[in-house]
Amino acid sequence: MRSRHAAFLTLIAIAVPGTAMALAGVRRESVRPTRTRDMARLPAGTYRPLHTLPGEGAVRVAAFALDRRPVTRAEFLAFVRLHPAWRRDSVRTLLAEPSYLAQWPGVLDAGRGSDLQRPVTGVSWFAASSFCAARGKRLPTLDEWEYAAAASNTRRNSADDPAFRRKMLELYAARSSAMLPIAGSGAANVYGIRDLHGSAWEWTRDFNSSHRLYCASGAIGAADPTNYSAFMRSAFRAALTARATLDGLGFRCAADQPV
């Protein structure tokens, strides 16, 4: 379902070999081999998305690896130093809005002390995709992200647990882009993944598949109209474009198969 509704922009940047890296100024020879031993490894499984087409139900997700925490300012600064095309004063307007990395004190200054360990935000989808590509990884798909986000600290799928849902609402209500917590400081879920909720919003590889799924009457046809945090994520993604650079929007990387 999701791949059928991913926007043309995503298909161009991901499906065509080398296109994303060429657009983003990432040299192919600089791409690191994918290393998943320090990533969380998620087994294959199924989850029920917020919206499905008639006759569709649970979505199958293949085994994959996901970063245990969001990418930090320090990590993105190192990337920018290696790939100057992603400097704030060099990025192409086609690839990022004017607010790109606007929170940084300087072009090559991501802050001091603990600020360097906070999630990087103000990066576009293109920038996030390029960072992951440079590490031999990619952004997680929407299905992968939601599959991981449904896990509590004790269960792989707690989407139907009222206590888990209440906790999610509390985290979403308390989140603030003004001072994000240190990356990885949140409680780990059963996979050892932190900060999927209550920290920065996060890019997904096919975020724009939400454009079709969300509207003012988005609750109609939803698998569970009471899953309010899922509605919040869907509405947020539906408002994005690939150039968007919001203060509270960051990312983490994924890999196809753990090795």
Protein backbone atom coordinates (compact mmCIF):
# COMPACT_ATOMS: atom_id res chain seq x y z
CA MET A 1 0.00 0.00 0.00
CA ARG A 2 2.58 2.55 1.06
CA SER A 3 4.90 2.05 -1.90
CA ARG A 4 2.00 2.50 -4.32
CA HIS A 5 1.23 5.90 -2.84
CA ALA A 6 4.75 7.27 -2.32
CA ALA A 7 5.11 10.54 -4.20
CA PHE A 8 7.07 10.82 -7.43
CA LEU A 9 9.75 12.88 -5.68
CA THR A 10 10.54 10.03 -3.33
CA LEU A 11 10.66 7.52 -6.16
CA ILE A 12 13.10 9.66 -8.12
CA ALA A 13 15.45 10.24 -5.19
CA ILE A 14 15.47 6.65 -3.93
CA ALA A 15 14.53 4.20 -6.66
CA VAL A 16 17.03 5.50 -9.22
CA PRO A 17 20.52 4.32 -8.21
CA GLY A 18 22.81 7.20 -7.26
CA THR A 19 20.26 9.97 -7.81
CA ALA A 20 19.84 10.92 -4.15
CA MET A 21 23.58 11.07 -3.57
CA ALA A 22 24.17 13.04 -6.77
CA LEU A 23 21.54 15.62 -5.82
CA ALA A 24 22.93 15.87 -2.31
CA GLY A 25 26.60 16.23 -3.20
CA VAL A 26 27.66 12.96 -1.60
CA ARG A 27 30.58 11.30 -3.32
CA ARG A 28 29.97 7.59 -3.86
CA GLU A 29 33.49 6.77 -2.74
CA SER A 30 32.81 8.47 0.61
CA VAL A 31 29.88 6.22 1.49
CA ARG A 32 30.65 4.03 4.47
CA PRO A 33 29.67 0.35 4.56
CA THR A 34 26.48 -0.25 6.49
CA ARG A 35 27.19 -1.17 10.10
CA THR A 36 24.22 -2.56 11.97
CA ARG A 37 25.83 -4.09 15.04
CA ASP A 38 25.25 -0.87 16.97
CA MET A 39 21.69 -0.55 15.65
CA ALA A 40 18.55 -2.19 16.99
CA ARG A 41 17.55 -5.26 15.00
CA LEU A 42 13.86 -5.72 14.48
CA PRO A 43 12.43 -9.05 13.32
CA ALA A 44 9.93 -9.35 10.52
CA GLY A 45 6.35 -8.90 11.61
CA THR A 46 3.08 -7.14 10.97
CA TYR A 47 1.33 -4.03 12.21
CA ARG A 48 -1.97 -2.38 11.45
CA PRO A 49 -1.54 1.11 9.96
CA LEU A 50 -3.85 3.93 10.90
CA HIS A 51 -5.50 3.92 7.46
CA THR A 52 -5.95 1.06 5.02
CA LEU A 53 -7.71 0.66 1.72
CA PRO A 54 -10.88 -1.50 1.58
CA GLY A 55 -9.95 -5.15 1.86
CA GLU A 56 -6.53 -4.43 3.32
CA GLY A 57 -5.50 -5.13 6.88
CA ALA A 58 -2.19 -5.63 8.63
CA VAL A 59 0.97 -4.68 6.77
CA ARG A 60 3.94 -7.05 6.62
CA VAL A 61 7.29 -5.48 7.56
CA ALA A 62 10.51 -7.27 6.66
CA ALA A 63 13.35 -7.55 9.17
CA PHE A 64 15.39 -4.36 9.36
CA ALA A 65 17.78 -2.39 11.56
CA LEU A 66 17.10 1.01 13.09
CA ASP A 67 19.30 3.52 14.90
CA ARG A 68 18.71 3.32 18.63
CA ARG A 69 18.49 7.11 18.93
CA PRO A 70 18.10 10.16 16.67
CA VAL A 71 21.06 11.62 14.78
CA THR A 72 22.72 14.33 16.88
CA ARG A 73 23.94 17.82 16.04
CA ALA A 74 27.53 16.67 16.50
CA GLU A 75 27.07 13.83 14.01
CA PHE A 76 25.43 16.08 11.45
CA LEU A 77 28.16 18.69 11.91
CA ALA A 78 30.76 16.05 11.06
CA PHE A 79 28.76 15.18 7.96
CA VAL A 80 28.53 18.85 6.91
CA ARG A 81 32.29 19.26 7.32
CA LEU A 82 32.88 16.26 5.05
CA HIS A 83 30.21 17.33 2.53
CA PRO A 84 30.31 21.13 2.20
CA ALA A 85 27.34 21.13 -0.17
CA TRP A 86 25.22 20.70 2.96
CA ARG A 87 26.57 23.76 4.74
CA ARG A 88 23.92 26.30 5.63
CA ASP A 89 25.53 28.85 3.32
CA SER A 90 25.89 26.40 0.43
CA VAL A 91 22.78 24.21 0.34
CA ARG A 92 20.74 24.53 -2.84
CA THR A 93 17.32 26.12 -2.47
CA LEU A 94 15.88 23.14 -4.34
CA LEU A 95 16.92 20.91 -1.43
CA ALA A 96 16.09 22.93 1.68
CA GLU A 97 14.05 25.88 2.90
CA PRO A 98 15.77 29.09 4.11
CA SER A 99 15.40 27.95 7.74
CA TYR A 100 17.80 25.03 7.17
CA LEU A 101 19.98 24.59 10.30
CA ALA A 102 18.82 28.03 11.47
CA GLN A 103 19.19 27.03 15.12
CA TRP A 104 22.95 26.59 14.77
CA PRO A 105 25.01 29.55 16.06
CA GLY A 106 27.17 29.43 12.92
CA VAL A 107 27.67 27.68 9.61
CA LEU A 108 30.08 25.21 11.20
CA ASP A 109 28.99 25.75 14.78
CA ALA A 110 26.30 23.38 16.03
CA GLY A 111 26.44 24.62 19.61
CA ARG A 112 28.40 23.86 22.74
CA GLY A 113 28.36 21.22 25.45
CA SER A 114 25.15 19.24 25.74
CA ASP A 115 23.61 20.99 22.71
CA LEU A 116 25.85 18.89 20.48
CA GLN A 117 24.21 15.74 21.87
CA ARG A 118 20.66 16.87 21.16
CA PRO A 119 18.86 15.65 18.02
CA VAL A 120 19.73 17.63 14.92
CA THR A 121 16.67 19.44 13.58
CA GLY A 122 15.99 21.99 10.86
CA VAL A 123 17.14 19.52 8.19
CA SER A 124 15.20 18.71 5.05
CA TRP A 125 14.24 15.26 3.82
CA PHE A 126 16.98 15.60 1.20
CA ALA A 127 19.57 16.39 3.87
CA ALA A 128 18.47 13.52 6.10
CA SER A 129 18.48 11.10 3.16
CA SER A 130 21.95 12.24 2.16
CA PHE A 131 23.33 11.78 5.68
CA CYS A 132 22.00 8.22 5.84
CA ALA A 133 23.28 7.44 2.34
CA ALA A 134 26.76 8.63 3.34
CA ARG A 135 26.69 6.01 6.08
CA GLY A 136 25.49 3.27 3.78
CA LYS A 137 22.03 3.46 5.30
CA ARG A 138 18.67 5.04 4.46
CA LEU A 139 15.70 6.63 6.15
CA PRO A 140 13.19 4.16 7.62
CA THR A 141 9.97 3.67 5.73
CA LEU A 142 6.78 4.93 7.31
CA ASP A 143 5.74 1.33 7.99
CA GLU A 144 9.08 0.51 9.61
CA TRP A 145 8.93 3.61 11.80
CA GLU A 146 5.37 2.93 12.94
CA TYR A 147 6.16 -0.75 13.50
CA ALA A 148 9.04 0.21 15.82
CA ALA A 149 7.00 2.96 17.48
CA ALA A 150 4.25 0.52 18.49
CA ALA A 151 6.62 -1.25 20.87
CA SER A 152 6.56 -0.58 24.61
CA ASN A 153 9.30 -1.54 27.04
CA THR A 154 7.77 -5.00 27.44
CA ARG A 155 5.84 -5.79 24.24
CA ARG A 156 6.61 -5.61 20.54
CA ASN A 157 3.13 -4.29 19.83
CA SER A 158 1.37 -2.28 22.51
CA ALA A 159 -0.82 -0.27 20.14
CA ASP A 160 -3.94 -1.72 21.77
CA ASP A 161 -2.75 -1.10 25.34
CA PRO A 162 -4.69 1.82 26.93
CA ALA A 163 -1.86 2.56 29.37
CA PHE A 164 0.67 2.76 26.52
CA ARG A 165 -1.60 5.12 24.59
CA ARG A 166 -2.03 7.39 27.58
CA LYS A 167 1.73 7.54 28.00
CA MET A 168 2.15 8.42 24.32
CA LEU A 169 -0.33 11.27 24.63
CA GLU A 170 1.51 12.61 27.66
CA LEU A 171 4.80 12.55 25.77
CA TYR A 172 3.34 14.26 22.71
CA ALA A 173 1.62 16.91 24.82
CA ALA A 174 4.87 17.71 26.65
CA ARG A 175 7.17 17.84 23.62
CA SER A 176 8.81 21.14 22.75
CA SER A 177 11.19 22.05 19.93
CA ALA A 178 12.68 24.83 22.08
CA MET A 179 14.83 22.45 24.13
CA LEU A 180 14.89 18.87 22.95
CA PRO A 181 16.24 16.26 25.38
CA ILE A 182 19.66 14.70 24.89
CA ALA A 183 19.42 12.08 22.15
CA GLY A 184 19.02 8.64 23.68
CA SER A 185 17.93 9.91 27.09
CA GLY A 186 14.38 8.60 26.78
CA ALA A 187 13.22 5.19 27.98
CA ALA A 188 14.08 2.28 25.69
CA ASN A 189 11.40 0.13 24.14
CA VAL A 190 11.64 -3.65 23.93
CA TYR A 191 14.04 -3.36 20.97
CA GLY A 192 16.35 -0.93 22.77
CA ILE A 193 15.17 2.04 20.68
CA ARG A 194 14.79 5.43 22.36
CA ASP A 195 13.12 8.78 21.64
CA LEU A 196 10.60 7.72 19.00
CA HIS A 197 8.06 9.65 21.07
CA GLY A 198 8.48 12.79 23.15
CA SER A 199 11.53 14.15 21.33
CA ALA A 200 11.88 15.45 17.76
CA TRP A 201 9.45 14.48 15.03
CA GLU A 202 11.28 12.27 12.52
CA TRP A 203 11.48 12.00 8.76
CA THR A 204 10.52 8.74 7.06
CA ARG A 205 11.55 7.63 3.61
CA ASP A 206 8.01 7.83 2.22
CA PHE A 207 6.58 10.51 4.51
CA ASN A 208 4.54 11.88 1.63
CA SER A 209 2.33 8.79 1.47
CA SER A 210 0.49 10.49 4.35
CA HIS A 211 -0.71 13.24 2.01
CA ARG A 212 -3.32 10.94 0.57
CA LEU A 213 -4.28 9.43 3.90
CA TYR A 214 -4.97 12.51 5.96
CA CYS A 215 -7.60 15.21 5.60
CA ALA A 216 -10.12 17.03 7.78
CA SER A 217 -12.19 13.86 7.92
CA GLY A 218 -9.15 11.68 8.54
CA ALA A 219 -10.86 9.65 11.26
CA ILE A 220 -13.24 8.17 8.71
CA GLY A 221 -11.97 4.74 7.76
CA ALA A 222 -9.22 4.75 10.37
CA ALA A 223 -8.35 1.36 11.83
CA ASP A 224 -8.73 2.83 15.32
CA PRO A 225 -10.23 6.34 15.67
CA THR A 226 -8.98 6.52 19.28
CA ASN A 227 -5.29 6.24 18.38
CA TYR A 228 -4.73 9.97 18.79
CA SER A 229 -0.93 9.98 18.72
CA ALA A 230 -1.03 8.17 15.36
CA PHE A 231 -3.40 10.85 14.06
CA MET A 232 -0.98 13.54 15.22
CA ARG A 233 1.90 11.91 13.34
CA SER A 234 -0.22 11.47 10.22
CA ALA A 235 -1.35 15.09 10.27
CA PHE A 236 2.21 16.33 10.83
CA ARG A 237 3.59 14.30 7.93
CA ALA A 238 0.77 15.38 5.63
CA ALA A 239 1.87 19.00 5.99
CA LEU A 240 5.49 18.34 4.99
CA THR A 241 7.35 18.82 1.75
CA ALA A 242 10.79 17.36 1.09
CA ARG A 243 12.36 20.84 1.49
CA ALA A 244 10.82 21.41 4.92
CA THR A 245 13.25 22.42 7.67
CA LEU A 246 11.34 22.67 10.93
CA ASP A 247 12.90 23.32 14.34
CA GLY A 248 11.36 20.18 15.83
CA LEU A 249 11.95 17.80 12.91
CA GLY A 250 14.92 15.42 12.94
CA PHE A 251 15.65 11.86 11.83
CA ARG A 252 17.39 8.54 12.39
CA CYS A 253 18.67 5.98 9.89
CA ALA A 254 17.65 2.44 9.03
CA ALA A 255 19.18 -0.46 7.10
CA ASP A 256 17.53 -3.15 5.00
CA GLN A 257 18.86 -6.26 6.68
CA PRO A 258 20.89 -6.67 9.86
CA VAL A 259 24.32 -8.17 9.16
